[in-house]
PDB file of N, CA and C in Angstrom:
ATOM      1  N   MET A   1      -6.962   2.605 -18.984  1.00  0.00           N
ATOM      2  CA  MET A   1      -7.014   1.709 -17.845  1.00  0.00           C
ATOM      3  C   MET A   1      -8.116   2.187 -16.906  1.00  0.00           C
ATOM      4  N   LYS A   2      -8.976   1.273 -16.481  1.00  0.00           N
ATOM      5  CA  LYS A   2     -10.070   1.579 -15.560  1.00  0.00           C
ATOM      6  C   LYS A   2      -9.577   1.469 -14.119  1.00  0.00           C
ATOM      7  N   LYS A   3      -9.949   2.463 -13.304  1.00  0.00           N
ATOM      8  CA  LYS A   3      -9.609   2.439 -11.885  1.00  0.00           C
ATOM      9  C   LYS A   3     -10.816   1.893 -11.111  1.00  0.00           C
ATOM     10  N   VAL A   4     -10.542   0.933 -10.230  1.00  0.00           N
ATOM     11  CA  VAL A   4     -11.598   0.198  -9.539  1.00  0.00           C
ATOM     12  C   VAL A   4     -11.498   0.411  -8.033  1.00  0.00           C
ATOM     13  N   PHE A   5     -12.634   0.763  -7.426  1.00  0.00           N
ATOM     14  CA  PHE A   5     -12.750   0.897  -5.977  1.00  0.00           C
ATOM     15  C   PHE A   5     -13.578  -0.282  -5.480  1.00  0.00           C
ATOM     16  N   ILE A   6     -13.121  -0.935  -4.427  1.00  0.00           N
ATOM     17  CA  ILE A   6     -13.851  -2.061  -3.851  1.00  0.00           C
ATOM     18  C   ILE A   6     -14.460  -1.619  -2.531  1.00  0.00           C
ATOM     19  N   SER A   7     -15.784  -1.705  -2.456  1.00  0.00           N
ATOM     20  CA  SER A   7     -16.516  -1.329  -1.256  1.00  0.00           C
ATOM     21  C   SER A   7     -16.932  -2.608  -0.537  1.00  0.00           C
ATOM     22  N   GLN A   8     -16.497  -2.744   0.712  1.00  0.00           N
ATOM     23  CA  GLN A   8     -16.809  -3.961   1.446  1.00  0.00           C
ATOM     24  C   GLN A   8     -16.832  -3.696   2.941  1.00  0.00           C
ATOM     25  N   LEU A   9     -17.545  -4.562   3.636  1.00  0.00           N
ATOM     26  CA  LEU A   9     -17.564  -4.492   5.091  1.00  0.00           C
ATOM     27  C   LEU A   9     -16.205  -4.906   5.618  1.00  0.00           C
ATOM     28  N   MET A  10     -15.716  -4.193   6.620  1.00  0.00           N
ATOM     29  CA  MET A  10     -14.420  -4.527   7.198  1.00  0.00           C
ATOM     30  C   MET A  10     -14.498  -4.726   8.712  1.00  0.00           C
ATOM     31  N   ARG A  11     -15.466  -4.135   9.322  1.00  0.00           N
ATOM     32  CA  ARG A  11     -15.597  -4.200  10.778  1.00  0.00           C
ATOM     33  C   ARG A  11     -15.823  -5.639  11.238  1.00  0.00           C
ATOM     34  N   ASP A  12     -15.081  -6.034  12.250  1.00  0.00           N
ATOM     35  CA  ASP A  12     -15.199  -7.364  12.861  1.00  0.00           C
ATOM     36  C   ASP A  12     -14.852  -8.501  11.897  1.00  0.00           C
ATOM     37  N   ARG A  13     -14.031  -8.214  10.886  1.00  0.00           N
ATOM     38  CA  ARG A  13     -13.598  -9.233   9.939  1.00  0.00           C
ATOM     39  C   ARG A  13     -12.083  -9.341   9.983  1.00  0.00           C
ATOM     40  N   THR A  14     -11.583 -10.542   9.685  1.00  0.00           N
ATOM     41  CA  THR A  14     -10.133 -10.733   9.660  1.00  0.00           C
ATOM     42  C   THR A  14      -9.571 -10.189   8.350  1.00  0.00           C
ATOM     43  N   ASP A  15      -8.290  -9.864   8.372  1.00  0.00           N
ATOM     44  CA  ASP A  15      -7.623  -9.416   7.145  1.00  0.00           C
ATOM     45  C   ASP A  15      -7.733 -10.471   6.060  1.00  0.00           C
ATOM     46  N   ASP A  16      -7.606 -11.747   6.430  1.00  0.00           N
ATOM     47  CA  ASP A  16      -7.707 -12.826   5.440  1.00  0.00           C
ATOM     48  C   ASP A  16      -9.071 -12.833   4.757  1.00  0.00           C
ATOM     49  N   ASP A  17     -10.155 -12.656   5.536  1.00  0.00           N
ATOM     50  CA  ASP A  17     -11.497 -12.611   4.952  1.00  0.00           C
ATOM     51  C   ASP A  17     -11.638 -11.439   3.987  1.00  0.00           C
ATOM     52  N   ILE A  18     -11.147 -10.298   4.412  1.00  0.00           N
ATOM     53  CA  ILE A  18     -11.248  -9.092   3.587  1.00  0.00           C
ATOM     54  C   ILE A  18     -10.467  -9.263   2.291  1.00  0.00           C
ATOM     55  N   LEU A  19      -9.244  -9.732   2.389  1.00  0.00           N
ATOM     56  CA  LEU A  19      -8.395  -9.880   1.199  1.00  0.00           C
ATOM     57  C   LEU A  19      -8.917 -10.952   0.251  1.00  0.00           C
ATOM     58  N   SER A  20      -9.481 -12.021   0.798  1.00  0.00           N
ATOM     59  CA  SER A  20     -10.071 -13.072  -0.039  1.00  0.00           C
ATOM     60  C   SER A  20     -11.259 -12.528  -0.832  1.00  0.00           C
ATOM     61  N   GLU A  21     -12.102 -11.754  -0.179  1.00  0.00           N
ATOM     62  CA  GLU A  21     -13.253 -11.165  -0.861  1.00  0.00           C
ATOM     63  C   GLU A  21     -12.794 -10.160  -1.921  1.00  0.00           C
ATOM     64  N   ARG A  22     -11.727  -9.421  -1.636  1.00  0.00           N
ATOM     65  CA  ARG A  22     -11.193  -8.477  -2.614  1.00  0.00           C
ATOM     66  C   ARG A  22     -10.728  -9.206  -3.881  1.00  0.00           C
ATOM     67  N   LYS A  23     -10.103 -10.371  -3.710  1.00  0.00           N
ATOM     68  CA  LYS A  23      -9.673 -11.143  -4.881  1.00  0.00           C
ATOM     69  C   LYS A  23     -10.858 -11.512  -5.753  1.00  0.00           C
ATOM     70  N   GLU A  24     -11.968 -11.920  -5.135  1.00  0.00           N
ATOM     71  CA  GLU A  24     -13.181 -12.245  -5.891  1.00  0.00           C
ATOM     72  C   GLU A  24     -13.694 -11.012  -6.639  1.00  0.00           C
ATOM     73  N   ALA A  25     -13.685  -9.865  -5.973  1.00  0.00           N
ATOM     74  CA  ALA A  25     -14.173  -8.635  -6.593  1.00  0.00           C
ATOM     75  C   ALA A  25     -13.306  -8.246  -7.791  1.00  0.00           C
ATOM     76  N   ILE A  26     -12.009  -8.374  -7.636  1.00  0.00           N
ATOM     77  CA  ILE A  26     -11.085  -8.051  -8.732  1.00  0.00           C
ATOM     78  C   ILE A  26     -11.336  -8.970  -9.925  1.00  0.00           C
ATOM     79  N   GLN A  27     -11.563 -10.243  -9.659  1.00  0.00           N
ATOM     80  CA  GLN A  27     -11.839 -11.184 -10.745  1.00  0.00           C
ATOM     81  C   GLN A  27     -13.144 -10.830 -11.456  1.00  0.00           C
ATOM     82  N   LEU A  28     -14.152 -10.396 -10.703  1.00  0.00           N
ATOM     83  CA  LEU A  28     -15.426  -9.985 -11.291  1.00  0.00           C
ATOM     84  C   LEU A  28     -15.212  -8.842 -12.280  1.00  0.00           C
ATOM     85  N   VAL A  29     -14.429  -7.854 -11.890  1.00  0.00           N
ATOM     86  CA  VAL A  29     -14.166  -6.710 -12.773  1.00  0.00           C
ATOM     87  C   VAL A  29     -13.384  -7.157 -14.000  1.00  0.00           C
ATOM     88  N   LYS A  30     -12.379  -7.997 -13.804  1.00  0.00           N
ATOM     89  CA  LYS A  30     -11.590  -8.479 -14.949  1.00  0.00           C
ATOM     90  C   LYS A  30     -12.453  -9.274 -15.917  1.00  0.00           C
ATOM     91  N   ASP A  31     -13.369 -10.088 -15.400  1.00  0.00           N
ATOM     92  CA  ASP A  31     -14.266 -10.854 -16.262  1.00  0.00           C
ATOM     93  C   ASP A  31     -15.193  -9.939 -17.060  1.00  0.00           C
ATOM     94  N   ALA A  32     -15.624  -8.836 -16.435  1.00  0.00           N
ATOM     95  CA  ALA A  32     -16.568  -7.925 -17.081  1.00  0.00           C
ATOM     96  C   ALA A  32     -15.891  -6.889 -17.977  1.00  0.00           C
ATOM     97  N   HIS A  33     -14.655  -6.471 -17.629  1.00  0.00           N
ATOM     98  CA  HIS A  33     -14.028  -5.346 -18.338  1.00  0.00           C
ATOM     99  C   HIS A  33     -12.631  -5.632 -18.862  1.00  0.00           C
ATOM    100  N   GLY A  34     -12.161  -6.841 -18.706  1.00  0.00           N
ATOM    101  CA  GLY A  34     -10.828  -7.176 -19.179  1.00  0.00           C
ATOM    102  C   GLY A  34      -9.773  -6.957 -18.100  1.00  0.00           C
ATOM    103  N   PRO A  35      -8.566  -7.418 -18.379  1.00  0.00           N
ATOM    104  CA  PRO A  35      -7.514  -7.402 -17.357  1.00  0.00           C
ATOM    105  C   PRO A  35      -6.852  -6.047 -17.125  1.00  0.00           C
ATOM    106  N   ASP A  36      -7.136  -5.076 -17.974  1.00  0.00           N
ATOM    107  CA  ASP A  36      -6.452  -3.787 -17.883  1.00  0.00           C
ATOM    108  C   ASP A  36      -7.153  -2.879 -16.871  1.00  0.00           C
ATOM    109  N   ILE A  37      -6.989  -3.190 -15.572  1.00  0.00           N
ATOM    110  CA  ILE A  37      -7.591  -2.397 -14.509  1.00  0.00           C
ATOM    111  C   ILE A  37      -6.536  -2.052 -13.457  1.00  0.00           C
ATOM    112  N   GLU A  38      -6.822  -1.014 -12.710  1.00  0.00           N
ATOM    113  CA  GLU A  38      -5.990  -0.658 -11.564  1.00  0.00           C
ATOM    114  C   GLU A  38      -6.895  -0.611 -10.343  1.00  0.00           C
ATOM    115  N   VAL A  39      -6.573  -1.388  -9.328  1.00  0.00           N
ATOM    116  CA  VAL A  39      -7.379  -1.423  -8.114  1.00  0.00           C
ATOM    117  C   VAL A  39      -6.884  -0.336  -7.162  1.00  0.00           C
ATOM    118  N   ILE A  40      -7.793   0.507  -6.739  1.00  0.00           N
ATOM    119  CA  ILE A  40      -7.488   1.549  -5.769  1.00  0.00           C
ATOM    120  C   ILE A  40      -7.377   0.875  -4.404  1.00  0.00           C
ATOM    121  N   ASP A  41      -6.279   1.105  -3.715  1.00  0.00           N
ATOM    122  CA  ASP A  41      -6.064   0.454  -2.422  1.00  0.00           C
ATOM    123  C   ASP A  41      -6.913   1.135  -1.358  1.00  0.00           C
ATOM    124  N   SER A  42      -8.079   0.553  -1.084  1.00  0.00           N
ATOM    125  CA  SER A  42      -8.994   1.118  -0.086  1.00  0.00           C
ATOM    126  C   SER A  42      -8.983   0.300   1.198  1.00  0.00           C
ATOM    127  N   PHE A  43      -8.033  -0.602   1.322  1.00  0.00           N
ATOM    128  CA  PHE A  43      -7.861  -1.387   2.547  1.00  0.00           C
ATOM    129  C   PHE A  43      -6.969  -0.551   3.462  1.00  0.00           C
ATOM    130  N   LEU A  44      -7.603   0.376   4.177  1.00  0.00           N
ATOM    131  CA  LEU A  44      -6.889   1.414   4.915  1.00  0.00           C
ATOM    132  C   LEU A  44      -6.343   0.903   6.242  1.00  0.00           C
ATOM    133  N   ASP A  45      -5.112   1.227   6.492  1.00  0.00           N
ATOM    134  CA  ASP A  45      -4.483   0.925   7.776  1.00  0.00           C
ATOM    135  C   ASP A  45      -3.768   2.196   8.221  1.00  0.00           C
ATOM    136  N   ILE A  46      -4.583   3.188   8.567  1.00  0.00           N
ATOM    137  CA  ILE A  46      -4.038   4.475   8.964  1.00  0.00           C
ATOM    138  C   ILE A  46      -4.455   4.762  10.405  1.00  0.00           C
ATOM    139  N   PRO A  47      -3.618   5.437  11.143  1.00  0.00           N
ATOM    140  CA  PRO A  47      -3.914   5.669  12.561  1.00  0.00           C
ATOM    141  C   PRO A  47      -5.142   6.552  12.753  1.00  0.00           C
ATOM    142  N   SER A  48      -5.942   6.211  13.761  1.00  0.00           N
ATOM    143  CA  SER A  48      -7.120   7.010  14.075  1.00  0.00           C
ATOM    144  C   SER A  48      -7.231   7.260  15.578  1.00  0.00           C
ATOM    145  N   GLU A  49      -6.115   7.104  16.290  1.00  0.00           N
ATOM    146  CA  GLU A  49      -6.129   7.310  17.727  1.00  0.00           C
ATOM    147  C   GLU A  49      -6.533   8.742  18.064  1.00  0.00           C
ATOM    148  N   GLY A  50      -7.269   8.867  19.138  1.00  0.00           N
ATOM    149  CA  GLY A  50      -7.635  10.186  19.625  1.00  0.00           C
ATOM    150  C   GLY A  50      -8.803  10.829  18.908  1.00  0.00           C
ATOM    151  N   LEU A  51      -9.361  10.163  17.919  1.00  0.00           N
ATOM    152  CA  LEU A  51     -10.497  10.739  17.198  1.00  0.00           C
ATOM    153  C   LEU A  51     -11.795  10.429  17.934  1.00  0.00           C
ATOM    154  N   LYS A  52     -12.718  11.333  17.875  1.00  0.00           N
ATOM    155  CA  LYS A  52     -14.016  11.118  18.507  1.00  0.00           C
ATOM    156  C   LYS A  52     -14.820  10.051  17.776  1.00  0.00           C
ATOM    157  N   ASN A  53     -14.686  10.001  16.443  1.00  0.00           N
ATOM    158  CA  ASN A  53     -15.430   9.023  15.657  1.00  0.00           C
ATOM    159  C   ASN A  53     -14.555   8.486  14.525  1.00  0.00           C
ATOM    160  N   PRO A  54     -13.756   7.445  14.800  1.00  0.00           N
ATOM    161  CA  PRO A  54     -12.866   6.893  13.762  1.00  0.00           C
ATOM    162  C   PRO A  54     -13.607   6.417  12.515  1.00  0.00           C
ATOM    163  N   ALA A  55     -14.843   5.933  12.659  1.00  0.00           N
ATOM    164  CA  ALA A  55     -15.591   5.452  11.495  1.00  0.00           C
ATOM    165  C   ALA A  55     -15.798   6.569  10.473  1.00  0.00           C
ATOM    166  N   VAL A  56     -16.075   7.776  10.940  1.00  0.00           N
ATOM    167  CA  VAL A  56     -16.263   8.920  10.038  1.00  0.00           C
ATOM    168  C   VAL A  56     -14.939   9.271   9.365  1.00  0.00           C
ATOM    169  N   TYR A  57     -13.865   9.170  10.106  1.00  0.00           N
ATOM    170  CA  TYR A  57     -12.525   9.423   9.579  1.00  0.00           C
ATOM    171  C   TYR A  57     -12.214   8.473   8.418  1.00  0.00           C
ATOM    172  N   TYR A  58     -12.457   7.174   8.625  1.00  0.00           N
ATOM    173  CA  TYR A  58     -12.206   6.194   7.568  1.00  0.00           C
ATOM    174  C   TYR A  58     -13.140   6.396   6.380  1.00  0.00           C
ATOM    175  N   LEU A  59     -14.396   6.731   6.642  1.00  0.00           N
ATOM    176  CA  LEU A  59     -15.335   6.998   5.559  1.00  0.00           C
ATOM    177  C   LEU A  59     -14.858   8.170   4.711  1.00  0.00           C
ATOM    178  N   GLY A  60     -14.368   9.215   5.361  1.00  0.00           N
ATOM    179  CA  GLY A  60     -13.855  10.370   4.627  1.00  0.00           C
ATOM    180  C   GLY A  60     -12.720   9.990   3.691  1.00  0.00           C
ATOM    181  N   HIS A  61     -11.806   9.167   4.175  1.00  0.00           N
ATOM    182  CA  HIS A  61     -10.704   8.713   3.318  1.00  0.00           C
ATOM    183  C   HIS A  61     -11.232   7.846   2.167  1.00  0.00           C
ATOM    184  N   SER A  62     -12.207   7.011   2.461  1.00  0.00           N
ATOM    185  CA  SER A  62     -12.788   6.164   1.403  1.00  0.00           C
ATOM    186  C   SER A  62     -13.443   7.005   0.322  1.00  0.00           C
ATOM    187  N   ILE A  63     -14.137   8.061   0.722  1.00  0.00           N
ATOM    188  CA  ILE A  63     -14.792   8.923  -0.263  1.00  0.00           C
ATOM    189  C   ILE A  63     -13.753   9.606  -1.157  1.00  0.00           C
ATOM    190  N   ILE A  64     -12.653  10.025  -0.581  1.00  0.00           N
ATOM    191  CA  ILE A  64     -11.583  10.613  -1.391  1.00  0.00           C
ATOM    192  C   ILE A  64     -11.091   9.600  -2.433  1.00  0.00           C
ATOM    193  N   LEU A  65     -10.879   8.363  -2.012  1.00  0.00           N
ATOM    194  CA  LEU A  65     -10.428   7.325  -2.945  1.00  0.00           C
ATOM    195  C   LEU A  65     -11.503   7.009  -3.980  1.00  0.00           C
ATOM    196  N   LEU A  66     -12.755   6.991  -3.559  1.00  0.00           N
ATOM    197  CA  LEU A  66     -13.869   6.713  -4.465  1.00  0.00           C
ATOM    198  C   LEU A  66     -13.933   7.751  -5.587  1.00  0.00           C
ATOM    199  N   SER A  67     -13.496   8.963  -5.309  1.00  0.00           N
ATOM    200  CA  SER A  67     -13.542  10.015  -6.328  1.00  0.00           C
ATOM    201  C   SER A  67     -12.638   9.713  -7.520  1.00  0.00           C
ATOM    202  N   GLU A  68     -11.695   8.798  -7.366  1.00  0.00           N
ATOM    203  CA  GLU A  68     -10.778   8.422  -8.448  1.00  0.00           C
ATOM    204  C   GLU A  68     -11.314   7.277  -9.314  1.00  0.00           C
ATOM    205  N   ALA A  69     -12.413   6.654  -8.892  1.00  0.00           N
ATOM    206  CA  ALA A  69     -12.864   5.393  -9.502  1.00  0.00           C
ATOM    207  C   ALA A  69     -13.687   5.570 -10.774  1.00  0.00           C
ATOM    208  N   ASP A  70     -13.430   4.650 -11.721  1.00  0.00           N
ATOM    209  CA  ASP A  70     -14.297   4.496 -12.892  1.00  0.00           C
ATOM    210  C   ASP A  70     -15.392   3.478 -12.605  1.00  0.00           C
ATOM    211  N   ILE A  71     -15.063   2.517 -11.749  1.00  0.00           N
ATOM    212  CA  ILE A  71     -15.961   1.407 -11.415  1.00  0.00           C
ATOM    213  C   ILE A  71     -15.871   1.160  -9.913  1.00  0.00           C
ATOM    214  N   VAL A  72     -17.034   0.878  -9.291  1.00  0.00           N
ATOM    215  CA  VAL A  72     -17.071   0.472  -7.891  1.00  0.00           C
ATOM    216  C   VAL A  72     -17.672  -0.921  -7.820  1.00  0.00           C
ATOM    217  N   VAL A  73     -17.011  -1.804  -7.077  1.00  0.00           N
ATOM    218  CA  VAL A  73     -17.548  -3.140  -6.845  1.00  0.00           C
ATOM    219  C   VAL A  73     -18.043  -3.186  -5.405  1.00  0.00           C
ATOM    220  N   PHE A  74     -19.311  -3.537  -5.231  1.00  0.00           N
ATOM    221  CA  PHE A  74     -19.877  -3.696  -3.896  1.00  0.00           C
ATOM    222  C   PHE A  74     -19.903  -5.184  -3.566  1.00  0.00           C
ATOM    223  N   CYS A  75     -19.212  -5.515  -2.486  1.00  0.00           N
ATOM    224  CA  CYS A  75     -19.087  -6.912  -2.070  1.00  0.00           C
ATOM    225  C   CYS A  75     -20.320  -7.357  -1.297  1.00  0.00           C
ATOM    226  N   ARG A  76     -20.381  -8.654  -1.048  1.00  0.00           N
ATOM    227  CA  ARG A  76     -21.501  -9.245  -0.320  1.00  0.00           C
ATOM    228  C   ARG A  76     -21.791  -8.490   0.968  1.00  0.00           C
ATOM    229  N   ASP A  77     -23.059  -8.409   1.282  1.00  0.00           N
ATOM    230  CA  ASP A  77     -23.538  -7.825   2.538  1.00  0.00           C
ATOM    231  C   ASP A  77     -23.190  -6.349   2.700  1.00  0.00           C
ATOM    232  N   PHE A  78     -22.858  -5.663   1.616  1.00  0.00           N
ATOM    233  CA  PHE A  78     -22.497  -4.246   1.727  1.00  0.00           C
ATOM    234  C   PHE A  78     -23.656  -3.440   2.317  1.00  0.00           C
ATOM    235  N   GLY A  79     -24.879  -3.882   2.101  1.00  0.00           N
ATOM    236  CA  GLY A  79     -26.056  -3.163   2.580  1.00  0.00           C
ATOM    237  C   GLY A  79     -26.184  -3.114   4.088  1.00  0.00           C
ATOM    238  N   TYR A  80     -25.395  -3.914   4.780  1.00  0.00           N
ATOM    239  CA  TYR A  80     -25.437  -3.912   6.244  1.00  0.00           C
ATOM    240  C   TYR A  80     -24.517  -2.860   6.859  1.00  0.00           C
ATOM    241  N   GLY A  81     -23.670  -2.257   6.072  1.00  0.00           N
ATOM    242  CA  GLY A  81     -22.717  -1.283   6.607  1.00  0.00           C
ATOM    243  C   GLY A  81     -23.133   0.139   6.301  1.00  0.00           C
ATOM    244  N   ARG A  82     -22.979   1.002   7.272  1.00  0.00           N
ATOM    245  CA  ARG A  82     -23.324   2.420   7.056  1.00  0.00           C
ATOM    246  C   ARG A  82     -22.443   3.023   5.973  1.00  0.00           C
ATOM    247  N   ALA A  83     -21.134   2.802   6.083  1.00  0.00           N
ATOM    248  CA  ALA A  83     -20.200   3.413   5.128  1.00  0.00           C
ATOM    249  C   ALA A  83     -20.412   2.874   3.717  1.00  0.00           C
ATOM    250  N   THR A  84     -20.620   1.569   3.588  1.00  0.00           N
ATOM    251  CA  THR A  84     -20.794   0.989   2.256  1.00  0.00           C
ATOM    252  C   THR A  84     -22.098   1.452   1.613  1.00  0.00           C
ATOM    253  N   ARG A  85     -23.136   1.663   2.406  1.00  0.00           N
ATOM    254  CA  ARG A  85     -24.388   2.209   1.852  1.00  0.00           C
ATOM    255  C   ARG A  85     -24.174   3.650   1.378  1.00  0.00           C
ATOM    256  N   ILE A  86     -23.388   4.408   2.135  1.00  0.00           N
ATOM    257  CA  ILE A  86     -23.088   5.786   1.729  1.00  0.00           C
ATOM    258  C   ILE A  86     -22.261   5.778   0.442  1.00  0.00           C
ATOM    259  N   GLU A  87     -21.290   4.863   0.351  1.00  0.00           N
ATOM    260  CA  GLU A  87     -20.487   4.752  -0.876  1.00  0.00           C
ATOM    261  C   GLU A  87     -21.356   4.410  -2.072  1.00  0.00           C
ATOM    262  N   GLU A  88     -22.358   3.554  -1.875  1.00  0.00           N
ATOM    263  CA  GLU A  88     -23.271   3.217  -2.978  1.00  0.00           C
ATOM    264  C   GLU A  88     -24.089   4.441  -3.394  1.00  0.00           C
ATOM    265  N   MET A  89     -24.574   5.190  -2.422  1.00  0.00           N
ATOM    266  CA  MET A  89     -25.352   6.388  -2.731  1.00  0.00           C
ATOM    267  C   MET A  89     -24.502   7.391  -3.520  1.00  0.00           C
ATOM    268  N   ILE A  90     -23.244   7.545  -3.136  1.00  0.00           N
ATOM    269  CA  ILE A  90     -22.347   8.457  -3.846  1.00  0.00           C
ATOM    270  C   ILE A  90     -22.116   7.963  -5.277  1.00  0.00           C
ATOM    271  N   ALA A  91     -21.852   6.672  -5.432  1.00  0.00           N
ATOM    272  CA  ALA A  91     -21.623   6.118  -6.771  1.00  0.00           C
ATOM    273  C   ALA A  91     -22.850   6.351  -7.660  1.00  0.00           C
ATOM    274  N   TYR A  92     -24.028   6.088  -7.124  1.00  0.00           N
ATOM    275  CA  TYR A  92     -25.267   6.280  -7.887  1.00  0.00           C
ATOM    276  C   TYR A  92     -25.454   7.762  -8.236  1.00  0.00           C
ATOM    277  N   THR A  93     -25.308   8.619  -7.240  1.00  0.00           N
ATOM    278  CA  THR A  93     -25.563  10.046  -7.426  1.00  0.00           C
ATOM    279  C   THR A  93     -24.605  10.679  -8.439  1.00  0.00           C
ATOM    280  N   TYR A  94     -23.365  10.212  -8.443  1.00  0.00           N
ATOM    281  CA  TYR A  94     -22.353  10.815  -9.313  1.00  0.00           C
ATOM    282  C   TYR A  94     -22.067   9.970 -10.558  1.00  0.00           C
ATOM    283  N   GLY A  95     -22.871   8.958 -10.806  1.00  0.00           N
ATOM    284  CA  GLY A  95     -22.785   8.224 -12.054  1.00  0.00           C
ATOM    285  C   GLY A  95     -21.559   7.341 -12.202  1.00  0.00           C
ATOM    286  N   ILE A  96     -21.023   6.820 -11.092  1.00  0.00           N
ATOM    287  CA  ILE A  96     -19.894   5.901 -11.169  1.00  0.00           C
ATOM    288  C   ILE A  96     -20.448   4.507 -11.409  1.00  0.00           C
ATOM    289  N   LYS A  97     -19.917   3.839 -12.421  1.00  0.00           N
ATOM    290  CA  LYS A  97     -20.382   2.498 -12.776  1.00  0.00           C
ATOM    291  C   LYS A  97     -20.245   1.567 -11.574  1.00  0.00           C
ATOM    292  N   THR A  98     -21.263   0.729 -11.358  1.00  0.00           N
ATOM    293  CA  THR A  98     -21.244  -0.189 -10.213  1.00  0.00           C
ATOM    294  C   THR A  98     -21.402  -1.633 -10.652  1.00  0.00           C
ATOM    295  N   LEU A  99     -20.737  -2.501  -9.905  1.00  0.00           N
ATOM    296  CA  LEU A  99     -20.889  -3.947 -10.050  1.00  0.00           C
ATOM    297  C   LEU A  99     -21.136  -4.504  -8.657  1.00  0.00           C
ATOM    298  N   TYR A 100     -21.822  -5.633  -8.600  1.00  0.00           N
ATOM    299  CA  TYR A 100     -22.137  -6.255  -7.308  1.00  0.00           C
ATOM    300  C   TYR A 100     -21.628  -7.690  -7.288  1.00  0.00           C
ATOM    301  N   LEU A 101     -20.913  -8.016  -6.238  1.00  0.00           N
ATOM    302  CA  LEU A 101     -20.347  -9.371  -6.074  1.00  0.00           C
ATOM    303  C   LEU A 101     -21.412 -10.268  -5.487  1.00  0.00           C
TER     304      LEU A 101
END
């Protein structure tokens, strides 16, 4: 079973927009690799109160999850986000298969 990480912009987006885009990304992976996949839950809803830089905190958690992935799907406009660009660089550097929505 292939483990899939979905990299997408989340800032200033509604949960509905994010989840809808995730469905498209999951379908892309299933079309390319078959239905036997496990999606890593990277839609984080963890507390970050009191942190000096919550964005770095969330990026750190995303990188931990990315380390489990066989495949990373980069959603539309990922190039506009700092974290998503870093996730792409990590995937490239460490040889994690990538797909683009």
